[in-house]
PDB file of N, CA and C in Angstrom:
ATOM      1  N   MET A   1      78.427 -18.299  44.638  1.00  0.00           N
ATOM      2  CA  MET A   1      77.329 -19.232  44.801  1.00  0.00           C
ATOM      3  C   MET A   1      76.615 -18.912  46.106  1.00  0.00           C
ATOM      4  N   SER A   2      75.323 -18.695  46.035  1.00  0.00           N
ATOM      5  CA  SER A   2      74.586 -18.340  47.244  1.00  0.00           C
ATOM      6  C   SER A   2      74.028 -19.602  47.905  1.00  0.00           C
ATOM      7  N   LYS A   3      73.909 -19.509  49.215  1.00  0.00           N
ATOM      8  CA  LYS A   3      73.333 -20.623  49.975  1.00  0.00           C
ATOM      9  C   LYS A   3      71.825 -20.438  50.040  1.00  0.00           C
ATOM     10  N   THR A   4      71.134 -21.528  49.941  1.00  0.00           N
ATOM     11  CA  THR A   4      69.689 -21.507  50.059  1.00  0.00           C
ATOM     12  C   THR A   4      69.309 -22.251  51.322  1.00  0.00           C
ATOM     13  N   GLN A   5      68.474 -21.626  52.115  1.00  0.00           N
ATOM     14  CA  GLN A   5      67.995 -22.269  53.321  1.00  0.00           C
ATOM     15  C   GLN A   5      66.576 -22.750  53.110  1.00  0.00           C
ATOM     16  N   ILE A   6      66.330 -23.941  53.576  1.00  0.00           N
ATOM     17  CA  ILE A   6      64.980 -24.465  53.562  1.00  0.00           C
ATOM     18  C   ILE A   6      64.555 -24.614  55.006  1.00  0.00           C
ATOM     19  N   LEU A   7      63.510 -23.909  55.366  1.00  0.00           N
ATOM     20  CA  LEU A   7      63.008 -23.972  56.732  1.00  0.00           C
ATOM     21  C   LEU A   7      61.701 -24.744  56.739  1.00  0.00           C
ATOM     22  N   ILE A   8      61.626 -25.708  57.624  1.00  0.00           N
ATOM     23  CA  ILE A   8      60.410 -26.496  57.762  1.00  0.00           C
ATOM     24  C   ILE A   8      59.945 -26.356  59.199  1.00  0.00           C
ATOM     25  N   ASP A   9      58.730 -25.900  59.356  1.00  0.00           N
ATOM     26  CA  ASP A   9      58.163 -25.701  60.685  1.00  0.00           C
ATOM     27  C   ASP A   9      57.092 -26.761  60.927  1.00  0.00           C
ATOM     28  N   GLU A  10      57.352 -27.616  61.887  1.00  0.00           N
ATOM     29  CA  GLU A  10      56.454 -28.732  62.184  1.00  0.00           C
ATOM     30  C   GLU A  10      55.039 -28.258  62.492  1.00  0.00           C
ATOM     31  N   GLU A  11      54.924 -27.226  63.286  1.00  0.00           N
ATOM     32  CA  GLU A  11      53.601 -26.730  63.671  1.00  0.00           C
ATOM     33  C   GLU A  11      52.853 -26.115  62.489  1.00  0.00           C
ATOM     34  N   GLU A  12      53.587 -25.513  61.575  1.00  0.00           N
ATOM     35  CA  GLU A  12      52.935 -24.875  60.429  1.00  0.00           C
ATOM     36  C   GLU A  12      52.263 -25.890  59.513  1.00  0.00           C
ATOM     37  N   PHE A  13      52.810 -27.106  59.459  1.00  0.00           N
ATOM     38  CA  PHE A  13      52.121 -28.146  58.698  1.00  0.00           C
ATOM     39  C   PHE A  13      50.717 -28.358  59.260  1.00  0.00           C
ATOM     40  N   ALA A  14      50.629 -28.489  60.574  1.00  0.00           N
ATOM     41  CA  ALA A  14      49.335 -28.722  61.229  1.00  0.00           C
ATOM     42  C   ALA A  14      48.419 -27.505  61.078  1.00  0.00           C
ATOM     43  N   VAL A  15      48.983 -26.313  61.277  1.00  0.00           N
ATOM     44  CA  VAL A  15      48.188 -25.087  61.147  1.00  0.00           C
ATOM     45  C   VAL A  15      47.640 -24.956  59.723  1.00  0.00           C
ATOM     46  N   ALA A  16      48.489 -25.190  58.741  1.00  0.00           N
ATOM     47  CA  ALA A  16      48.053 -25.071  57.349  1.00  0.00           C
ATOM     48  C   ALA A  16      46.999 -26.127  57.016  1.00  0.00           C
ATOM     49  N   ALA A  17      47.217 -27.368  57.447  1.00  0.00           N
ATOM     50  CA  ALA A  17      46.235 -28.423  57.178  1.00  0.00           C
ATOM     51  C   ALA A  17      44.892 -28.077  57.811  1.00  0.00           C
ATOM     52  N   ASN A  18      44.907 -27.603  59.041  1.00  0.00           N
ATOM     53  CA  ASN A  18      43.660 -27.216  59.711  1.00  0.00           C
ATOM     54  C   ASN A  18      42.990 -26.041  59.008  1.00  0.00           C
ATOM     55  N   SER A  19      43.787 -25.092  58.557  1.00  0.00           N
ATOM     56  CA  SER A  19      43.229 -23.937  57.829  1.00  0.00           C
ATOM     57  C   SER A  19      42.542 -24.382  56.543  1.00  0.00           C
ATOM     58  N   PHE A  20      43.166 -25.316  55.830  1.00  0.00           N
ATOM     59  CA  PHE A  20      42.550 -25.812  54.599  1.00  0.00           C
ATOM     60  C   PHE A  20      41.294 -26.623  54.906  1.00  0.00           C
ATOM     61  N   ARG A  21      41.289 -27.354  56.013  1.00  0.00           N
ATOM     62  CA  ARG A  21      40.079 -28.104  56.382  1.00  0.00           C
ATOM     63  C   ARG A  21      38.939 -27.135  56.736  1.00  0.00           C
ATOM     64  N   GLU A  22      39.264 -26.051  57.429  1.00  0.00           N
ATOM     65  CA  GLU A  22      38.254 -25.033  57.729  1.00  0.00           C
ATOM     66  C   GLU A  22      37.734 -24.395  56.443  1.00  0.00           C
ATOM     67  N   LEU A  23      38.647 -24.103  55.522  1.00  0.00           N
ATOM     68  CA  LEU A  23      38.248 -23.532  54.232  1.00  0.00           C
ATOM     69  C   LEU A  23      37.334 -24.495  53.486  1.00  0.00           C
ATOM     70  N   SER A  24      37.644 -25.765  53.558  1.00  0.00           N
ATOM     71  CA  SER A  24      36.803 -26.769  52.920  1.00  0.00           C
ATOM     72  C   SER A  24      35.383 -26.714  53.467  1.00  0.00           C
ATOM     73  N   GLN A  25      35.250 -26.573  54.780  1.00  0.00           N
ATOM     74  CA  GLN A  25      33.915 -26.482  55.387  1.00  0.00           C
ATOM     75  C   GLN A  25      33.195 -25.206  54.952  1.00  0.00           C
ATOM     76  N   GLU A  26      33.940 -24.114  54.829  1.00  0.00           N
ATOM     77  CA  GLU A  26      33.339 -22.857  54.375  1.00  0.00           C
ATOM     78  C   GLU A  26      32.836 -22.970  52.937  1.00  0.00           C
ATOM     79  N   VAL A  27      33.617 -23.625  52.084  1.00  0.00           N
ATOM     80  CA  VAL A  27      33.201 -23.792  50.693  1.00  0.00           C
ATOM     81  C   VAL A  27      31.995 -24.734  50.617  1.00  0.00           C
ATOM     82  N   ARG A  28      31.983 -25.766  51.471  1.00  0.00           N
ATOM     83  CA  ARG A  28      30.814 -26.657  51.523  1.00  0.00           C
ATOM     84  C   ARG A  28      29.558 -25.869  51.938  1.00  0.00           C
ATOM     85  N   ALA A  29      29.716 -24.993  52.925  1.00  0.00           N
ATOM     86  CA  ALA A  29      28.581 -24.178  53.374  1.00  0.00           C
ATOM     87  C   ALA A  29      28.125 -23.242  52.256  1.00  0.00           C
ATOM     88  N   LEU A  30      29.068 -22.652  51.542  1.00  0.00           N
ATOM     89  CA  LEU A  30      28.727 -21.790  50.409  1.00  0.00           C
ATOM     90  C   LEU A  30      27.978 -22.597  49.347  1.00  0.00           C
ATOM     91  N   HIS A  31      28.468 -23.789  49.069  1.00  0.00           N
ATOM     92  CA  HIS A  31      27.802 -24.662  48.097  1.00  0.00           C
ATOM     93  C   HIS A  31      26.363 -24.926  48.515  1.00  0.00           C
ATOM     94  N   LYS A  32      26.160 -25.230  49.783  1.00  0.00           N
ATOM     95  CA  LYS A  32      24.806 -25.501  50.276  1.00  0.00           C
ATOM     96  C   LYS A  32      23.924 -24.265  50.130  1.00  0.00           C
ATOM     97  N   ASP A  33      24.447 -23.102  50.496  1.00  0.00           N
ATOM     98  CA  ASP A  33      23.667 -21.863  50.374  1.00  0.00           C
ATOM     99  C   ASP A  33      23.277 -21.590  48.920  1.00  0.00           C
ATOM    100  N   VAL A  34      24.237 -21.707  48.016  1.00  0.00           N
ATOM    101  CA  VAL A  34      23.960 -21.458  46.600  1.00  0.00           C
ATOM    102  C   VAL A  34      22.972 -22.501  46.077  1.00  0.00           C
ATOM    103  N   SER A  35      23.177 -23.749  46.470  1.00  0.00           N
ATOM    104  CA  SER A  35      22.281 -24.819  46.033  1.00  0.00           C
ATOM    105  C   SER A  35      20.855 -24.581  46.526  1.00  0.00           C
ATOM    106  N   ASP A  36      20.731 -24.187  47.784  1.00  0.00           N
ATOM    107  CA  ASP A  36      19.395 -23.895  48.336  1.00  0.00           C
ATOM    108  C   ASP A  36      18.725 -22.746  47.585  1.00  0.00           C
ATOM    109  N   MET A  37      19.485 -21.695  47.315  1.00  0.00           N
ATOM    110  CA  MET A  37      18.920 -20.555  46.585  1.00  0.00           C
ATOM    111  C   MET A  37      18.490 -20.956  45.179  1.00  0.00           C
ATOM    112  N   LEU A  38      19.331 -21.747  44.507  1.00  0.00           N
ATOM    113  CA  LEU A  38      18.980 -22.179  43.157  1.00  0.00           C
ATOM    114  C   LEU A  38      17.766 -23.097  43.163  1.00  0.00           C
ATOM    115  N   ASN A  39      17.660 -23.939  44.166  1.00  0.00           N
ATOM    116  CA  ASN A  39      16.487 -24.823  44.248  1.00  0.00           C
ATOM    117  C   ASN A  39      15.212 -24.027  44.498  1.00  0.00           C
ATOM    118  N   ASP A  40      15.306 -22.994  45.325  1.00  0.00           N
ATOM    119  CA  ASP A  40      14.145 -22.112  45.532  1.00  0.00           C
ATOM    120  C   ASP A  40      13.756 -21.432  44.222  1.00  0.00           C
ATOM    121  N   LEU A  41      14.745 -20.953  43.518  1.00  0.00           N
ATOM    122  CA  LEU A  41      14.497 -20.295  42.239  1.00  0.00           C
ATOM    123  C   LEU A  41      13.933 -21.285  41.225  1.00  0.00           C
ATOM    124  N   ARG A  42      14.466 -22.472  41.239  1.00  0.00           N
ATOM    125  CA  ARG A  42      14.026 -23.526  40.318  1.00  0.00           C
ATOM    126  C   ARG A  42      12.538 -23.856  40.526  1.00  0.00           C
ATOM    127  N   THR A  43      12.145 -23.910  41.794  1.00  0.00           N
ATOM    128  CA  THR A  43      10.752 -24.224  42.110  1.00  0.00           C
ATOM    129  C   THR A  43       9.808 -23.162  41.560  1.00  0.00           C
ATOM    130  N   GLY A  44      10.178 -21.918  41.695  1.00  0.00           N
ATOM    131  CA  GLY A  44       9.314 -20.833  41.247  1.00  0.00           C
ATOM    132  C   GLY A  44       9.488 -20.462  39.791  1.00  0.00           C
ATOM    133  N   PHE A  45      10.447 -21.071  39.134  1.00  0.00           N
ATOM    134  CA  PHE A  45      10.777 -20.692  37.765  1.00  0.00           C
ATOM    135  C   PHE A  45      10.824 -21.952  36.903  1.00  0.00           C
ATOM    136  N   ASP A  46       9.744 -22.759  36.980  1.00  0.00           N
ATOM    137  CA  ASP A  46       9.679 -24.052  36.311  1.00  0.00           C
ATOM    138  C   ASP A  46       9.196 -23.887  34.876  1.00  0.00           C
ATOM    139  N   THR A  47      10.096 -23.439  34.050  1.00  0.00           N
ATOM    140  CA  THR A  47       9.826 -23.240  32.619  1.00  0.00           C
ATOM    141  C   THR A  47      11.055 -23.745  31.864  1.00  0.00           C
ATOM    142  N   PRO A  48      10.986 -23.891  30.577  1.00  0.00           N
ATOM    143  CA  PRO A  48      12.184 -24.294  29.825  1.00  0.00           C
ATOM    144  C   PRO A  48      13.356 -23.326  30.053  1.00  0.00           C
ATOM    145  N   ALA A  49      13.047 -22.032  30.060  1.00  0.00           N
ATOM    146  CA  ALA A  49      14.115 -21.050  30.304  1.00  0.00           C
ATOM    147  C   ALA A  49      14.652 -21.171  31.739  1.00  0.00           C
ATOM    148  N   GLY A  50      13.754 -21.411  32.680  1.00  0.00           N
ATOM    149  CA  GLY A  50      14.167 -21.576  34.076  1.00  0.00           C
ATOM    150  C   GLY A  50      15.050 -22.797  34.262  1.00  0.00           C
ATOM    151  N   ARG A  51      14.688 -23.902  33.603  1.00  0.00           N
ATOM    152  CA  ARG A  51      15.516 -25.116  33.696  1.00  0.00           C
ATOM    153  C   ARG A  51      16.880 -24.891  33.062  1.00  0.00           C
ATOM    154  N   LYS A  52      16.896 -24.180  31.954  1.00  0.00           N
ATOM    155  CA  LYS A  52      18.177 -23.883  31.294  1.00  0.00           C
ATOM    156  C   LYS A  52      19.049 -23.005  32.202  1.00  0.00           C
ATOM    157  N   PHE A  53      18.415 -22.014  32.826  1.00  0.00           N
ATOM    158  CA  PHE A  53      19.144 -21.152  33.754  1.00  0.00           C
ATOM    159  C   PHE A  53      19.705 -21.972  34.920  1.00  0.00           C
ATOM    160  N   TYR A  54      18.871 -22.853  35.492  1.00  0.00           N
ATOM    161  CA  TYR A  54      19.314 -23.688  36.605  1.00  0.00           C
ATOM    162  C   TYR A  54      20.489 -24.568  36.172  1.00  0.00           C
ATOM    163  N   ASN A  55      20.369 -25.218  35.032  1.00  0.00           N
ATOM    164  CA  ASN A  55      21.449 -26.086  34.553  1.00  0.00           C
ATOM    165  C   ASN A  55      22.731 -25.308  34.319  1.00  0.00           C
ATOM    166  N   SER A  56      22.593 -24.092  33.807  1.00  0.00           N
ATOM    167  CA  SER A  56      23.754 -23.234  33.594  1.00  0.00           C
ATOM    168  C   SER A  56      24.417 -22.875  34.925  1.00  0.00           C
ATOM    169  N   CYS A  57      23.595 -22.533  35.911  1.00  0.00           N
ATOM    170  CA  CYS A  57      24.128 -22.192  37.238  1.00  0.00           C
ATOM    171  C   CYS A  57      24.750 -23.409  37.910  1.00  0.00           C
ATOM    172  N   TYR A  58      24.125 -24.556  37.730  1.00  0.00           N
ATOM    173  CA  TYR A  58      24.668 -25.782  38.305  1.00  0.00           C
ATOM    174  C   TYR A  58      26.062 -26.042  37.738  1.00  0.00           C
ATOM    175  N   ALA A  59      26.175 -25.954  36.414  1.00  0.00           N
ATOM    176  CA  ALA A  59      27.461 -26.212  35.772  1.00  0.00           C
ATOM    177  C   ALA A  59      28.482 -25.115  36.064  1.00  0.00           C
ATOM    178  N   GLY A  60      28.024 -23.881  36.162  1.00  0.00           N
ATOM    179  CA  GLY A  60      28.947 -22.762  36.326  1.00  0.00           C
ATOM    180  C   GLY A  60      29.250 -22.382  37.758  1.00  0.00           C
ATOM    181  N   LEU A  61      28.370 -22.769  38.694  1.00  0.00           N
ATOM    182  CA  LEU A  61      28.570 -22.394  40.099  1.00  0.00           C
ATOM    183  C   LEU A  61      28.764 -23.593  41.019  1.00  0.00           C
ATOM    184  N   LEU A  62      27.836 -24.529  40.949  1.00  0.00           N
ATOM    185  CA  LEU A  62      27.857 -25.623  41.917  1.00  0.00           C
ATOM    186  C   LEU A  62      28.962 -26.642  41.656  1.00  0.00           C
ATOM    187  N   LEU A  63      29.109 -27.064  40.415  1.00  0.00           N
ATOM    188  CA  LEU A  63      30.164 -28.035  40.118  1.00  0.00           C
ATOM    189  C   LEU A  63      31.558 -27.503  40.456  1.00  0.00           C
ATOM    190  N   PRO A  64      31.885 -26.257  40.089  1.00  0.00           N
ATOM    191  CA  PRO A  64      33.205 -25.753  40.478  1.00  0.00           C
ATOM    192  C   PRO A  64      33.414 -25.709  42.004  1.00  0.00           C
ATOM    193  N   LEU A  65      32.356 -25.444  42.752  1.00  0.00           N
ATOM    194  CA  LEU A  65      32.487 -25.454  44.208  1.00  0.00           C
ATOM    195  C   LEU A  65      32.776 -26.864  44.717  1.00  0.00           C
ATOM    196  N   ILE A  66      32.098 -27.849  44.164  1.00  0.00           N
ATOM    197  CA  ILE A  66      32.349 -29.236  44.546  1.00  0.00           C
ATOM    198  C   ILE A  66      33.794 -29.617  44.206  1.00  0.00           C
ATOM    199  N   GLU A  67      34.233 -29.227  43.025  1.00  0.00           N
ATOM    200  CA  GLU A  67      35.610 -29.529  42.606  1.00  0.00           C
ATOM    201  C   GLU A  67      36.623 -28.804  43.488  1.00  0.00           C
ATOM    202  N   GLN A  68      36.307 -27.591  43.890  1.00  0.00           N
ATOM    203  CA  GLN A  68      37.210 -26.830  44.752  1.00  0.00           C
ATOM    204  C   GLN A  68      37.353 -27.510  46.111  1.00  0.00           C
ATOM    205  N   VAL A  69      36.260 -28.047  46.641  1.00  0.00           N
ATOM    206  CA  VAL A  69      36.325 -28.775  47.909  1.00  0.00           C
ATOM    207  C   VAL A  69      37.280 -29.958  47.777  1.00  0.00           C
ATOM    208  N   THR A  70      37.198 -30.664  46.668  1.00  0.00           N
ATOM    209  CA  THR A  70      38.079 -31.808  46.434  1.00  0.00           C
ATOM    210  C   THR A  70      39.544 -31.378  46.449  1.00  0.00           C
ATOM    211  N   VAL A  71      39.842 -30.279  45.777  1.00  0.00           N
ATOM    212  CA  VAL A  71      41.223 -29.778  45.722  1.00  0.00           C
ATOM    213  C   VAL A  71      41.692 -29.340  47.112  1.00  0.00           C
ATOM    214  N   ILE A  72      40.857 -28.604  47.814  1.00  0.00           N
ATOM    215  CA  ILE A  72      41.231 -28.103  49.146  1.00  0.00           C
ATOM    216  C   ILE A  72      41.475 -29.257  50.106  1.00  0.00           C
ATOM    217  N   GLU A  73      40.604 -30.261  50.071  1.00  0.00           N
ATOM    218  CA  GLU A  73      40.788 -31.412  50.954  1.00  0.00           C
ATOM    219  C   GLU A  73      42.045 -32.190  50.580  1.00  0.00           C
ATOM    220  N   HIS A  74      42.360 -32.260  49.300  1.00  0.00           N
ATOM    221  CA  HIS A  74      43.589 -32.928  48.855  1.00  0.00           C
ATOM    222  C   HIS A  74      44.824 -32.197  49.393  1.00  0.00           C
ATOM    223  N   ILE A  75      44.788 -30.879  49.350  1.00  0.00           N
ATOM    224  CA  ILE A  75      45.907 -30.093  49.898  1.00  0.00           C
ATOM    225  C   ILE A  75      46.036 -30.351  51.396  1.00  0.00           C
ATOM    226  N   ALA A  76      44.929 -30.335  52.121  1.00  0.00           N
ATOM    227  CA  ALA A  76      44.965 -30.588  53.568  1.00  0.00           C
ATOM    228  C   ALA A  76      45.525 -31.980  53.854  1.00  0.00           C
ATOM    229  N   ASP A  77      45.092 -32.975  53.092  1.00  0.00           N
ATOM    230  CA  ASP A  77      45.602 -34.336  53.277  1.00  0.00           C
ATOM    231  C   ASP A  77      47.096 -34.406  52.999  1.00  0.00           C
ATOM    232  N   ASN A  78      47.546 -33.736  51.940  1.00  0.00           N
ATOM    233  CA  ASN A  78      48.978 -33.740  51.615  1.00  0.00           C
ATOM    234  C   ASN A  78      49.809 -33.059  52.698  1.00  0.00           C
ATOM    235  N   LEU A  79      49.294 -31.980  53.269  1.00  0.00           N
ATOM    236  CA  LEU A  79      50.013 -31.313  54.361  1.00  0.00           C
ATOM    237  C   LEU A  79      50.108 -32.219  55.581  1.00  0.00           C
ATOM    238  N   THR A  80      49.050 -32.939  55.879  1.00  0.00           N
ATOM    239  CA  THR A  80      49.067 -33.871  57.006  1.00  0.00           C
ATOM    240  C   THR A  80      50.048 -35.004  56.728  1.00  0.00           C
ATOM    241  N   THR A  81      50.042 -35.517  55.518  1.00  0.00           N
ATOM    242  CA  THR A  81      50.989 -36.575  55.138  1.00  0.00           C
ATOM    243  C   THR A  81      52.423 -36.088  55.255  1.00  0.00           C
ATOM    244  N   ALA A  82      52.681 -34.878  54.774  1.00  0.00           N
ATOM    245  CA  ALA A  82      54.033 -34.317  54.862  1.00  0.00           C
ATOM    246  C   ALA A  82      54.462 -34.166  56.312  1.00  0.00           C
ATOM    247  N   LYS A  83      53.571 -33.679  57.157  1.00  0.00           N
ATOM    248  CA  LYS A  83      53.890 -33.531  58.583  1.00  0.00           C
ATOM    249  C   LYS A  83      54.248 -34.879  59.180  1.00  0.00           C
ATOM    250  N   ASN A  84      53.468 -35.889  58.851  1.00  0.00           N
ATOM    251  CA  ASN A  84      53.733 -37.222  59.381  1.00  0.00           C
ATOM    252  C   ASN A  84      55.037 -37.806  58.842  1.00  0.00           C
ATOM    253  N   MET A  85      55.343 -37.516  57.584  1.00  0.00           N
ATOM    254  CA  MET A  85      56.586 -38.021  56.997  1.00  0.00           C
ATOM    255  C   MET A  85      57.811 -37.345  57.620  1.00  0.00           C
ATOM    256  N   TYR A  86      57.678 -36.072  57.951  1.00  0.00           N
ATOM    257  CA  TYR A  86      58.790 -35.348  58.547  1.00  0.00           C
ATOM    258  C   TYR A  86      58.885 -35.542  60.057  1.00  0.00           C
ATOM    259  N   ALA A  87      57.897 -36.152  60.674  1.00  0.00           N
ATOM    260  CA  ALA A  87      57.879 -36.321  62.138  1.00  0.00           C
ATOM    261  C   ALA A  87      59.159 -36.963  62.662  1.00  0.00           C
ATOM    262  N   PRO A  88      59.666 -38.033  62.043  1.00  0.00           N
ATOM    263  CA  PRO A  88      60.921 -38.609  62.553  1.00  0.00           C
ATOM    264  C   PRO A  88      62.101 -37.638  62.476  1.00  0.00           C
ATOM    265  N   VAL A  89      62.124 -36.805  61.443  1.00  0.00           N
ATOM    266  CA  VAL A  89      63.212 -35.820  61.315  1.00  0.00           C
ATOM    267  C   VAL A  89      63.117 -34.810  62.454  1.00  0.00           C
ATOM    268  N   PHE A  90      61.901 -34.322  62.723  1.00  0.00           N
ATOM    269  CA  PHE A  90      61.726 -33.372  63.817  1.00  0.00           C
ATOM    270  C   PHE A  90      62.077 -34.014  65.155  1.00  0.00           C
ATOM    271  N   ASP A  91      61.679 -35.265  65.354  1.00  0.00           N
ATOM    272  CA  ASP A  91      61.995 -35.970  66.604  1.00  0.00           C
ATOM    273  C   ASP A  91      63.500 -36.130  66.778  1.00  0.00           C
ATOM    274  N   GLU A  92      64.191 -36.542  65.719  1.00  0.00           N
ATOM    275  CA  GLU A  92      65.641 -36.708  65.800  1.00  0.00           C
ATOM    276  C   GLU A  92      66.341 -35.372  66.042  1.00  0.00           C
ATOM    277  N   TYR A  93      65.830 -34.318  65.425  1.00  0.00           N
ATOM    278  CA  TYR A  93      66.404 -32.993  65.634  1.00  0.00           C
ATOM    279  C   TYR A  93      66.270 -32.586  67.098  1.00  0.00           C
ATOM    280  N   ARG A  94      65.080 -32.780  67.669  1.00  0.00           N
ATOM    281  CA  ARG A  94      64.878 -32.452  69.091  1.00  0.00           C
ATOM    282  C   ARG A  94      65.808 -33.272  69.973  1.00  0.00           C
ATOM    283  N   ASP A  95      65.958 -34.560  69.662  1.00  0.00           N
ATOM    284  CA  ASP A  95      66.865 -35.416  70.439  1.00  0.00           C
ATOM    285  C   ASP A  95      68.304 -34.916  70.338  1.00  0.00           C
ATOM    286  N   LEU A  96      68.716 -34.531  69.141  1.00  0.00           N
ATOM    287  CA  LEU A  96      70.069 -34.015  68.939  1.00  0.00           C
ATOM    288  C   LEU A  96      70.292 -32.740  69.733  1.00  0.00           C
ATOM    289  N   VAL A  97      69.339 -31.820  69.679  1.00  0.00           N
ATOM    290  CA  VAL A  97      69.447 -30.566  70.426  1.00  0.00           C
ATOM    291  C   VAL A  97      69.515 -30.861  71.917  1.00  0.00           C
ATOM    292  N   ASN A  98      68.688 -31.762  72.389  1.00  0.00           N
ATOM    293  CA  ASN A  98      68.722 -32.130  73.823  1.00  0.00           C
ATOM    294  C   ASN A  98      70.053 -32.744  74.208  1.00  0.00           C
ATOM    295  N   ASP A  99      70.594 -33.604  73.366  1.00  0.00           N
ATOM    296  CA  ASP A  99      71.902 -34.218  73.652  1.00  0.00           C
ATOM    297  C   ASP A  99      73.009 -33.165  73.665  1.00  0.00           C
ATOM    298  N   LEU A 100      72.940 -32.216  72.755  1.00  0.00           N
ATOM    299  CA  LEU A 100      73.979 -31.179  72.698  1.00  0.00           C
ATOM    300  C   LEU A 100      73.884 -30.214  73.884  1.00  0.00           C
ATOM    301  N   ASN A 101      72.712 -30.057  74.430  1.00  0.00           N
ATOM    302  CA  ASN A 101      72.516 -29.139  75.549  1.00  0.00           C
ATOM    303  C   ASN A 101      72.826 -29.765  76.909  1.00  0.00           C
ATOM    304  N   ARG A 102      73.169 -31.010  76.932  1.00  0.00           N
ATOM    305  CA  ARG A 102      73.483 -31.675  78.216  1.00  0.00           C
ATOM    306  C   ARG A 102      74.875 -31.411  78.646  1.00  0.00           C
TER     307      ARG A 102
END
């Protein structure tokens, strides 16, 4: 029977949550850029075919980006929640190590 180790790094929770929050901002910026480009195209391409193209791009490009932001922010929130939930364990571990080192 093999032993399995589970390692939890307190700082990595914060680093990962911050990384996902940064990614969320990058995806938001991408969404804005794509949206701006499509709106420019929409203005100059105001025909039935142009509207169909815009609607297709909206459904195929913009909505998935919005949904991706939601998922990324949910992951960041969950990492922050996990860090906060484990905080007492990390605090007790530090106290134990300090007591043993005295």
